[in-house]
Structure formats: structure tokens, C-alpha cells
Amino acid sequence: MTSLAIQFEPLSEEHRMPVIDIYNHYIAHSYASFLEQTVSYEFYDIFLAMMKGYPASAVLAESVIAGFCFLRPYNPIPAFSSAAEITYFIRPEMTRKGLGHHALAHLIAAAKQRGISHFIACVSSLNEQGIRFHYKNGFSEQGRLAGIGKKFNSSFDVIWFQKKIE
């Protein structure tokens, strides 16, 4: 873990540029995002719409935006209101310092207040760091859609992870 001073603040307009800059890094250099082309700053509005009414935070380390995390509906049908899909991205130079773990803990606390009892994560089979993170943090693989994705001319599986919030 890290000894950094970590804080969370609700995502707002002031986070537009750093959030998209972080996200664009993962689009261009990894399989953590399924997109192949970087996005404009207007894409932040899509994030805001996806997470509307759900916990969404900037992750600050030593008062610098080090990442972002949010929940969104797994499925809009009321039968699934206790499940949320989780998203988190940490600035690449800030990974492996415990920030992802802190973001997960932050979202767990927020989820409990909303009555959310299950997290769902959708991860590329080529995103080895993301797979390790989810296993390490108590997620279990619940399904795999073989070969349905393609990025950087490489096919990949989509792995569905689940974590019960206790």
C-alpha cells in the first residue's frame, strides 16, 4: 500500500480534462479500455450520463488528480438494482501504489449506502494487470465471451468478474 495522502472528490466539470487524458492513455496504450481511438473532451459527457445518480469520484494523491472511479447501472431493469458495473483508471505513473485498492474501498462504502450488493467488472483477457487486480481484490470470474473483441489487431475474450459486497 501507499503512504500517499489520498482523497476522493465527486467528479465535476473541473475533472473533465484530467479524466479524459488518463482515459486516452489507456485507450492508446493498453487493453484496459475497449476503444481503439482516443476520445475528445466531450466524451466526458458520456461518462457523466453513464454514471448519473451513482457514485463517481476523482482520486487525488497528494492533491493531484491521480485517477477516477465510478459505478454505473449493470442493467436498468429494477430487478438488477443491487448490481453495479465498476470502472476505475489510475494515472499510469501512479499505479502499483495502492490507489486502485483505495478507489475500490471508496466505491464499496458508497455502494453500501445505495443498497448495491454486487459489483460487476468487464475486463479484456489481454489486460493482465486488470485481471490480477480483480482476483487480488476478491472478484471471481463468472463468465467469458471468447474472442468477441478485437483491438490493435488482436482478438480477445471479455471476462465478466463479480464481487459480492459484504
Protein backbone atom coordinates (compact mmCIF):
# COMPACT_ATOMS: atom_id res chain seq x y z
CA MET A 1 0.00 0.00 0.00
CA THR A 2 0.94 3.62 -0.19
CA SER A 3 1.69 6.32 2.33
CA LEU A 4 0.34 8.96 -0.05
CA ALA A 5 -2.38 11.27 1.21
CA ILE A 6 -5.40 10.00 -0.75
CA GLN A 7 -8.67 11.86 -1.10
CA PHE A 8 -11.80 11.50 -3.19
CA GLU A 9 -13.99 14.23 -4.56
CA PRO A 10 -17.16 13.93 -6.64
CA LEU A 11 -16.46 14.11 -10.36
CA SER A 12 -17.32 17.53 -11.71
CA GLU A 13 -16.60 19.75 -14.69
CA GLU A 14 -13.14 20.61 -13.34
CA HIS A 15 -12.14 16.97 -13.80
CA ARG A 16 -13.06 16.81 -17.50
CA MET A 17 -9.55 17.24 -18.94
CA PRO A 18 -7.55 15.10 -16.50
CA VAL A 19 -10.10 12.26 -16.61
CA ILE A 20 -10.11 12.17 -20.41
CA ASP A 21 -6.32 12.47 -20.53
CA ILE A 22 -5.99 9.44 -18.23
CA TYR A 23 -8.61 7.51 -20.18
CA ASN A 24 -6.95 8.34 -23.51
CA HIS A 25 -3.66 6.93 -22.25
CA TYR A 26 -5.35 3.58 -21.62
CA ILE A 27 -7.12 3.70 -24.98
CA ALA A 28 -3.85 4.28 -26.83
CA HIS A 29 -1.54 2.01 -24.84
CA SER A 30 -3.47 -0.88 -23.31
CA TYR A 31 -6.42 -3.22 -23.35
CA ALA A 32 -7.94 -1.64 -20.21
CA SER A 33 -10.31 0.31 -22.47
CA PHE A 34 -12.00 -1.44 -25.35
CA LEU A 35 -11.82 1.70 -27.53
CA GLU A 36 -9.08 1.95 -30.17
CA GLN A 37 -9.29 5.66 -30.95
CA THR A 38 -8.70 8.34 -28.35
CA VAL A 39 -11.69 10.49 -27.48
CA SER A 40 -12.32 14.23 -27.30
CA TYR A 41 -13.01 16.05 -24.05
CA GLU A 42 -16.71 15.96 -24.96
CA PHE A 43 -16.63 12.22 -24.22
CA TYR A 44 -16.68 13.19 -20.53
CA ASP A 45 -20.38 13.95 -21.04
CA ILE A 46 -20.91 10.28 -21.94
CA PHE A 47 -19.22 9.27 -18.69
CA LEU A 48 -21.45 11.67 -16.77
CA ALA A 49 -24.57 10.25 -18.40
CA MET A 50 -23.48 6.63 -17.73
CA MET A 51 -22.87 7.23 -14.04
CA LYS A 52 -25.75 9.63 -13.35
CA GLY A 53 -27.06 9.05 -9.85
CA TYR A 54 -24.23 6.67 -8.98
CA PRO A 55 -21.01 7.26 -7.03
CA ALA A 56 -18.30 8.84 -9.21
CA SER A 57 -15.09 10.31 -7.87
CA ALA A 58 -11.75 11.75 -8.79
CA VAL A 59 -8.90 10.04 -6.95
CA LEU A 60 -6.45 12.57 -5.56
CA ALA A 61 -2.98 11.67 -4.30
CA GLU A 62 -1.11 14.48 -2.61
CA SER A 63 -3.81 16.83 -4.01
CA VAL A 64 -3.08 15.81 -7.62
CA ILE A 65 -5.69 14.02 -9.74
CA ALA A 66 -4.27 10.52 -9.92
CA GLY A 67 -7.29 8.76 -11.37
CA PHE A 68 -11.03 8.35 -11.35
CA CYS A 69 -13.58 5.73 -10.40
CA PHE A 70 -17.30 5.29 -10.78
CA LEU A 71 -20.23 2.93 -10.66
CA ARG A 72 -22.98 2.70 -13.23
CA PRO A 73 -26.06 0.55 -13.58
CA TYR A 74 -25.28 -3.01 -14.58
CA ASN A 75 -28.74 -3.14 -16.14
CA PRO A 76 -31.50 -0.51 -15.95
CA ILE A 77 -34.19 -3.09 -15.14
CA PRO A 78 -35.20 -2.74 -11.45
CA ALA A 79 -34.59 -6.46 -10.84
CA PHE A 80 -30.86 -5.69 -11.13
CA SER A 81 -30.76 -2.54 -8.97
CA SER A 82 -28.49 -4.24 -6.41
CA ALA A 83 -25.74 -4.70 -9.04
CA ALA A 84 -23.44 -2.04 -10.47
CA GLU A 85 -20.68 -2.12 -13.05
CA ILE A 86 -17.43 -0.71 -11.74
CA THR A 87 -14.85 1.38 -13.58
CA TYR A 88 -11.53 2.77 -12.38
CA PHE A 89 -8.47 4.15 -14.11
CA ILE A 90 -5.31 5.33 -12.36
CA ARG A 91 -2.71 7.58 -13.97
CA PRO A 92 -0.04 5.14 -15.27
CA GLU A 93 2.81 6.58 -13.23
CA MET A 94 0.65 6.24 -10.10
CA THR A 95 -0.21 2.55 -10.47
CA ARG A 96 1.09 -0.04 -8.02
CA LYS A 97 0.82 2.42 -5.12
CA GLY A 98 -2.49 1.12 -3.73
CA LEU A 99 -4.68 3.77 -5.34
CA GLY A 100 -6.83 1.19 -7.16
CA HIS A 101 -7.43 -0.63 -3.89
CA HIS A 102 -8.40 2.65 -2.19
CA ALA A 103 -10.73 3.51 -5.09
CA LEU A 104 -12.38 0.10 -4.77
CA ALA A 105 -12.82 0.56 -0.99
CA HIS A 106 -14.27 4.02 -1.60
CA LEU A 107 -16.79 2.64 -4.08
CA ILE A 108 -17.70 -0.25 -1.77
CA ALA A 109 -18.56 2.20 1.01
CA ALA A 110 -20.63 4.31 -1.39
CA ALA A 111 -22.34 1.22 -2.81
CA LYS A 112 -23.41 0.00 0.62
CA GLN A 113 -25.18 3.34 1.20
CA ARG A 114 -27.13 2.82 -2.05
CA GLY A 115 -28.06 -0.79 -1.37
CA ILE A 116 -25.72 -2.14 -4.03
CA SER A 117 -24.52 -5.60 -3.07
CA HIS A 118 -22.76 -6.82 -6.22
CA PHE A 119 -20.04 -5.31 -8.39
CA ILE A 120 -19.61 -6.42 -11.98
CA ALA A 121 -16.37 -5.79 -13.88
CA CYS A 122 -15.88 -6.38 -17.60
CA VAL A 123 -12.20 -6.98 -18.43
CA SER A 124 -10.27 -7.84 -21.60
CA SER A 125 -8.40 -11.15 -21.46
CA LEU A 126 -5.36 -9.19 -22.72
CA ASN A 127 -5.49 -6.80 -19.74
CA GLU A 128 -3.27 -8.87 -17.44
CA GLN A 129 -2.89 -6.12 -14.82
CA GLY A 130 -6.68 -5.68 -14.63
CA ILE A 131 -7.24 -9.43 -14.29
CA ARG A 132 -4.68 -9.66 -11.46
CA PHE A 133 -6.23 -6.65 -9.73
CA HIS A 134 -9.71 -8.14 -9.72
CA TYR A 135 -8.59 -11.56 -8.47
CA LYS A 136 -6.43 -9.94 -5.78
CA ASN A 137 -9.38 -7.85 -4.59
CA GLY A 138 -11.89 -10.64 -4.17
CA PHE A 139 -13.61 -10.71 -7.55
CA SER A 140 -14.33 -14.08 -9.13
CA GLU A 141 -14.63 -14.88 -12.80
CA GLN A 142 -18.27 -15.58 -13.67
CA GLY A 143 -18.15 -15.84 -17.43
CA ARG A 144 -16.12 -15.41 -20.56
CA LEU A 145 -17.15 -14.45 -24.06
CA ALA A 146 -14.45 -15.99 -26.21
CA GLY A 147 -12.83 -13.96 -28.97
CA ILE A 148 -15.56 -11.34 -29.29
CA GLY A 149 -13.27 -8.32 -29.01
CA LYS A 150 -10.56 -7.01 -31.28
CA LYS A 151 -8.13 -4.17 -30.58
CA PHE A 152 -4.71 -3.42 -32.06
CA ASN A 153 -5.33 -6.33 -34.49
CA SER A 154 -5.52 -8.79 -31.57
CA SER A 155 -8.63 -10.73 -30.67
CA PHE A 156 -9.53 -11.02 -27.00
CA ASP A 157 -12.09 -12.56 -24.69
CA VAL A 158 -14.34 -10.46 -22.49
CA ILE A 159 -14.16 -11.71 -18.90
CA TRP A 160 -17.01 -10.93 -16.51
CA PHE A 161 -15.97 -10.64 -12.87
CA GLN A 162 -18.27 -10.33 -9.86
CA LYS A 163 -17.70 -9.31 -6.25
CA LYS A 164 -20.31 -9.61 -3.53
CA ILE A 165 -20.22 -6.58 -1.27
CA GLU A 166 -20.39 -7.65 2.37
